[in-house]
Amino acid sequence: RILTMALVAAVFGGSPCLAQVTADQLAAAEIRTEKVGDNLYVLSGLGGNIAVSVGTDGVLAVDTQFPELVPRYLAAIRELGGQGVDFAVNTHWHYDHADGNLVLGPTGTWIVAHANSRAMLTKDNVINTVVRPPFPQKAYPAAAMPVATFTDRMQLHFNGEAIDLMHFGPAHTTGDAAVIFRNHNAVHLGDVFNNSGYPFIDTDNGGDLDGTIAFCEGVLKELQPGATVIPGHGPVAKYEDLAAYIEMLKGVR
């Protein structure tokens, strides 16, 4: 635990993961769109990266960023041919990945998450990033809560693709979900994989360094070489980058 928190203290200041954003930053944030496959895109703004599947069944989004940015990424989705967000998967409960639920949920978006993430969203929490004073994340209202949860594995069939939601134990949090798009050999790993800097592991709320390594190894076994790996923060990466990330984490440990 001490090693993990010291690691965070040493490097977190330069990472956008769980940054305390200002109104000016939110006002200036722009949504950037990157195509990673047929009908599969990554939208990046100020919070966590969003993966978007757009097709005949509608729109599935992985993570929801901040409420203030929802209108902007919905506009980007419309440019891709989508109309709103039908399903949203939260990779975990931290606000920079899930606060958009507050806007999407009341409009009818079906939200999916790991059972532990839903449990955390039902209550007030405190997130301690070490280099800043701990700050609160308030419980979400019912309309913004996940309506479907899983423990180890869930499979969705959407836009002609099998989409696996998988959990391998405590990692960045106790409720992380890896979202694997099987047709694309692609995964969104949330903040279990963060290549914008060294990772923040929320040990105060059950996160675990050993578990982060095991989670990444479990995901790697589910992928084929050449896979696309979407991090919680940072540029889109590849299978080889995730393998190197695992070795880095083992070296740090």
Protein backbone atom coordinates (compact mmCIF):
# COMPACT_ATOMS: atom_id res chain seq x y z
CA ARG A 1 0.00 0.00 0.00
CA ILE A 2 2.78 2.45 0.93
CA LEU A 3 4.60 1.73 -2.34
CA THR A 4 1.44 2.22 -4.36
CA MET A 5 0.56 5.52 -2.71
CA ALA A 6 4.13 6.78 -2.98
CA LEU A 7 4.04 5.97 -6.68
CA VAL A 8 0.90 8.05 -7.01
CA ALA A 9 2.38 10.95 -5.05
CA ALA A 10 5.46 10.97 -7.26
CA VAL A 11 3.69 11.16 -10.60
CA PHE A 12 0.02 12.01 -10.22
CA GLY A 13 0.49 15.74 -10.51
CA GLY A 14 1.03 15.42 -14.27
CA SER A 15 -1.80 12.98 -14.94
CA PRO A 16 -5.33 13.98 -16.01
CA CYS A 17 -6.76 10.97 -14.17
CA LEU A 18 -9.18 12.21 -11.51
CA ALA A 19 -7.99 15.80 -11.87
CA GLN A 20 -10.06 18.45 -10.12
CA VAL A 21 -11.31 20.31 -13.17
CA THR A 22 -12.38 23.92 -13.22
CA ALA A 23 -15.34 25.58 -14.90
CA ASP A 24 -12.96 27.25 -17.35
CA GLN A 25 -11.44 23.88 -18.30
CA LEU A 26 -14.87 22.41 -18.87
CA ALA A 27 -15.92 25.38 -20.99
CA ALA A 28 -12.81 25.08 -23.15
CA ALA A 29 -12.82 21.30 -23.55
CA GLU A 30 -13.22 19.96 -27.08
CA ILE A 31 -14.30 16.49 -28.12
CA ARG A 32 -11.90 14.70 -30.46
CA THR A 33 -13.01 11.69 -32.51
CA GLU A 34 -10.74 8.81 -33.57
CA LYS A 35 -11.90 5.87 -35.65
CA VAL A 36 -10.50 2.54 -34.45
CA GLY A 37 -12.60 0.23 -36.62
CA ASP A 38 -15.77 -0.01 -38.66
CA ASN A 39 -18.46 1.70 -36.57
CA LEU A 40 -16.16 1.87 -33.51
CA TYR A 41 -14.73 5.18 -32.34
CA VAL A 42 -12.98 6.80 -29.39
CA LEU A 43 -14.13 10.21 -28.18
CA SER A 44 -11.72 12.07 -25.93
CA GLY A 45 -12.37 15.28 -24.06
CA LEU A 46 -11.60 16.21 -20.46
CA GLY A 47 -12.66 13.08 -18.57
CA GLY A 48 -11.99 9.45 -19.40
CA ASN A 49 -11.89 8.24 -22.99
CA ILE A 50 -15.27 7.16 -24.40
CA ALA A 51 -15.58 4.20 -26.78
CA VAL A 52 -18.62 4.42 -29.05
CA SER A 53 -20.23 1.70 -31.17
CA VAL A 54 -22.59 3.18 -33.77
CA GLY A 55 -24.76 0.96 -35.95
CA THR A 56 -28.19 -0.34 -36.84
CA ASP A 57 -29.04 -1.17 -33.21
CA GLY A 58 -28.17 2.33 -32.06
CA VAL A 59 -25.32 3.69 -29.92
CA LEU A 60 -23.41 2.03 -27.11
CA ALA A 61 -20.94 4.21 -25.19
CA VAL A 62 -18.28 3.08 -22.73
CA ASP A 63 -17.94 5.75 -20.00
CA THR A 64 -19.77 9.06 -19.84
CA GLN A 65 -17.28 11.81 -18.81
CA PHE A 66 -18.68 15.00 -17.22
CA PRO A 67 -22.27 16.31 -17.44
CA GLU A 68 -21.09 19.56 -19.00
CA LEU A 69 -19.52 17.65 -21.90
CA VAL A 70 -22.49 15.41 -22.68
CA PRO A 71 -24.04 17.81 -25.24
CA ARG A 72 -20.68 18.09 -26.99
CA TYR A 73 -20.06 14.39 -27.34
CA LEU A 74 -23.68 13.79 -28.32
CA ALA A 75 -23.08 16.24 -31.18
CA ALA A 76 -19.98 14.23 -32.15
CA ILE A 77 -22.05 11.02 -32.06
CA ARG A 78 -24.66 12.59 -34.36
CA GLU A 79 -21.89 13.38 -36.84
CA LEU A 80 -21.08 9.65 -36.80
CA GLY A 81 -24.68 8.79 -37.64
CA GLY A 82 -25.96 8.04 -34.14
CA GLN A 83 -28.95 9.47 -32.33
CA GLY A 84 -28.39 9.69 -28.59
CA VAL A 85 -26.89 6.95 -26.40
CA ASP A 86 -28.98 3.79 -25.99
CA PHE A 87 -26.58 1.93 -23.67
CA ALA A 88 -23.75 3.27 -21.52
CA VAL A 89 -21.23 1.04 -19.75
CA ASN A 90 -19.34 2.49 -16.78
CA THR A 91 -15.85 1.00 -16.56
CA HIS A 92 -15.87 2.08 -12.90
CA TRP A 93 -17.54 4.56 -10.55
CA HIS A 94 -15.08 7.48 -10.45
CA TYR A 95 -16.76 10.71 -11.45
CA ASP A 96 -14.59 11.54 -14.46
CA HIS A 97 -15.89 8.35 -16.08
CA ALA A 98 -19.43 8.21 -14.71
CA ASP A 99 -20.78 11.70 -13.94
CA GLY A 100 -22.32 11.88 -17.41
CA ASN A 101 -24.82 9.34 -16.04
CA LEU A 102 -26.50 12.30 -14.34
CA VAL A 103 -27.53 13.59 -17.79
CA LEU A 104 -27.88 10.37 -19.78
CA GLY A 105 -29.80 8.30 -17.23
CA PRO A 106 -32.80 10.63 -16.92
CA THR A 107 -33.10 10.78 -20.73
CA GLY A 108 -33.57 7.00 -21.00
CA THR A 109 -30.05 5.64 -21.53
CA TRP A 110 -29.69 2.15 -20.04
CA ILE A 111 -26.58 2.14 -17.85
CA VAL A 112 -24.55 -1.02 -17.14
CA ALA A 113 -21.75 -1.46 -14.60
CA HIS A 114 -20.05 -3.95 -12.31
CA ALA A 115 -22.08 -4.66 -9.19
CA ASN A 116 -19.42 -3.10 -6.93
CA SER A 117 -19.46 0.11 -8.94
CA ARG A 118 -23.21 0.38 -8.59
CA ALA A 119 -22.87 -0.17 -4.84
CA MET A 120 -20.34 2.65 -4.62
CA LEU A 121 -22.60 4.99 -6.59
CA THR A 122 -25.40 4.48 -4.06
CA LYS A 123 -23.43 6.23 -1.29
CA ASP A 124 -21.19 9.20 -0.61
CA ASN A 125 -17.49 8.42 -1.16
CA VAL A 126 -14.14 10.12 -0.65
CA ILE A 127 -11.34 9.80 -3.22
CA ASN A 128 -7.80 10.31 -1.94
CA THR A 129 -5.27 11.03 -4.69
CA VAL A 130 -2.53 11.71 -2.06
CA VAL A 131 -1.13 14.87 -3.67
CA ARG A 132 -4.38 16.80 -3.11
CA PRO A 133 -6.76 16.97 -0.18
CA PRO A 134 -9.23 14.07 -0.39
CA PHE A 135 -12.40 15.14 -2.16
CA PRO A 136 -15.96 13.81 -2.05
CA GLN A 137 -18.08 12.13 -4.68
CA LYS A 138 -21.74 12.31 -3.70
CA ALA A 139 -24.19 9.44 -4.12
CA TYR A 140 -26.00 9.44 -7.47
CA PRO A 141 -29.77 9.84 -7.74
CA ALA A 142 -31.78 6.81 -8.82
CA ALA A 143 -32.16 8.03 -12.40
CA ALA A 144 -28.38 8.05 -12.89
CA MET A 145 -27.75 4.57 -11.48
CA PRO A 146 -26.85 1.46 -13.49
CA VAL A 147 -29.97 -0.59 -14.24
CA ALA A 148 -28.03 -3.78 -15.04
CA THR A 149 -24.98 -5.16 -13.24
CA PHE A 150 -22.67 -8.18 -13.41
CA THR A 151 -20.08 -9.82 -11.19
CA ASP A 152 -17.61 -11.74 -13.39
CA ARG A 153 -18.88 -11.61 -16.96
CA MET A 154 -21.74 -10.25 -19.06
CA GLN A 155 -22.19 -10.47 -22.81
CA LEU A 156 -24.10 -7.97 -24.93
CA HIS A 157 -25.03 -8.46 -28.58
CA PHE A 158 -25.20 -5.04 -30.19
CA ASN A 159 -24.61 -3.71 -33.69
CA GLY A 160 -23.81 -7.21 -34.93
CA GLU A 161 -21.04 -7.72 -32.39
CA ALA A 162 -20.49 -9.73 -29.23
CA ILE A 163 -19.35 -7.35 -26.50
CA ASP A 164 -17.95 -8.97 -23.37
CA LEU A 165 -17.87 -7.16 -20.03
CA MET A 166 -15.30 -8.84 -17.80
CA HIS A 167 -14.06 -8.40 -14.23
CA PHE A 168 -10.94 -10.02 -12.80
CA GLY A 169 -11.04 -8.76 -9.19
CA PRO A 170 -9.98 -5.53 -7.44
CA ALA A 171 -7.66 -3.41 -9.58
CA HIS A 172 -8.00 0.37 -10.08
CA THR A 173 -11.17 0.00 -7.97
CA THR A 174 -13.19 -2.97 -6.78
CA GLY A 175 -15.70 -2.50 -9.61
CA ASP A 176 -13.69 -2.31 -12.82
CA ALA A 177 -15.10 -3.58 -16.12
CA ALA A 178 -13.06 -4.44 -19.21
CA VAL A 179 -15.25 -4.02 -22.31
CA ILE A 180 -14.11 -6.27 -25.17
CA PHE A 181 -15.44 -5.72 -28.69
CA ARG A 182 -14.89 -9.18 -30.14
CA ASN A 183 -15.34 -8.39 -33.84
CA HIS A 184 -12.79 -5.60 -33.57
CA ASN A 185 -10.28 -7.37 -31.29
CA ALA A 186 -10.48 -4.24 -29.15
CA VAL A 187 -10.91 -3.48 -25.44
CA HIS A 188 -11.70 -0.46 -23.31
CA LEU A 189 -9.92 -0.97 -19.98
CA GLY A 190 -10.93 2.17 -18.11
CA ASP A 191 -8.32 3.32 -15.61
CA VAL A 192 -6.97 -0.18 -15.06
CA PHE A 193 -4.82 0.81 -18.07
CA ASN A 194 -3.71 4.45 -18.05
CA ASN A 195 -0.94 5.43 -20.44
CA SER A 196 -1.08 9.16 -19.73
CA GLY A 197 1.22 8.58 -16.74
CA TYR A 198 1.68 6.06 -13.97
CA PRO A 199 -1.63 4.66 -12.71
CA PHE A 200 -3.64 5.86 -9.75
CA ILE A 201 -4.82 2.89 -7.73
CA ASP A 202 -7.66 3.78 -5.35
CA THR A 203 -6.39 1.74 -2.40
CA ASP A 204 -8.53 3.63 0.13
CA ASN A 205 -11.58 2.20 -1.65
CA GLY A 206 -10.27 -1.31 -2.22
CA GLY A 207 -8.02 -0.91 -5.29
CA ASP A 208 -4.95 -3.13 -5.43
CA LEU A 209 -1.62 -3.16 -7.29
CA ASP A 210 -1.39 -6.95 -7.46
CA GLY A 211 -4.97 -6.98 -8.65
CA THR A 212 -4.25 -4.41 -11.36
CA ILE A 213 -1.50 -6.66 -12.71
CA ALA A 214 -3.76 -9.73 -12.58
CA PHE A 215 -6.61 -7.82 -14.24
CA CYS A 216 -4.41 -6.70 -17.13
CA GLU A 217 -3.00 -10.22 -17.54
CA GLY A 218 -6.53 -11.62 -17.62
CA VAL A 219 -7.56 -9.16 -20.32
CA LEU A 220 -4.43 -9.82 -22.38
CA LYS A 221 -5.31 -13.53 -22.51
CA GLU A 222 -8.71 -12.62 -23.97
CA LEU A 223 -7.17 -10.64 -26.85
CA GLN A 224 -5.36 -11.58 -30.04
CA PRO A 225 -2.00 -10.03 -30.97
CA GLY A 226 -2.48 -6.70 -32.70
CA ALA A 227 -5.52 -5.85 -30.55
CA THR A 228 -6.57 -2.24 -30.02
CA VAL A 229 -6.38 -1.21 -26.35
CA ILE A 230 -8.31 1.89 -25.27
CA PRO A 231 -6.99 3.35 -22.00
CA GLY A 232 -8.95 5.30 -19.44
CA HIS A 233 -6.73 8.27 -20.24
CA GLY A 234 -4.12 8.74 -22.94
CA PRO A 235 -3.73 7.70 -26.58
CA VAL A 236 -5.20 4.56 -28.09
CA ALA A 237 -2.68 1.73 -27.76
CA LYS A 238 -2.02 -1.83 -28.94
CA TYR A 239 -1.69 -5.34 -27.56
CA GLU A 240 2.07 -4.92 -27.24
CA ASP A 241 1.63 -1.73 -25.18
CA LEU A 242 -0.58 -3.54 -22.68
CA ALA A 243 2.01 -6.32 -22.40
CA ALA A 244 4.73 -3.74 -21.74
CA TYR A 245 2.49 -1.99 -19.20
CA ILE A 246 2.14 -5.25 -17.27
CA GLU A 247 5.90 -5.66 -17.18
CA MET A 248 6.28 -2.05 -15.99
CA LEU A 249 3.81 -2.65 -13.16
CA LYS A 250 5.65 -5.81 -12.15
CA GLY A 251 8.93 -3.89 -12.12
CA VAL A 252 7.45 -1.18 -9.93
CA ARG A 253 6.06 -3.82 -7.57
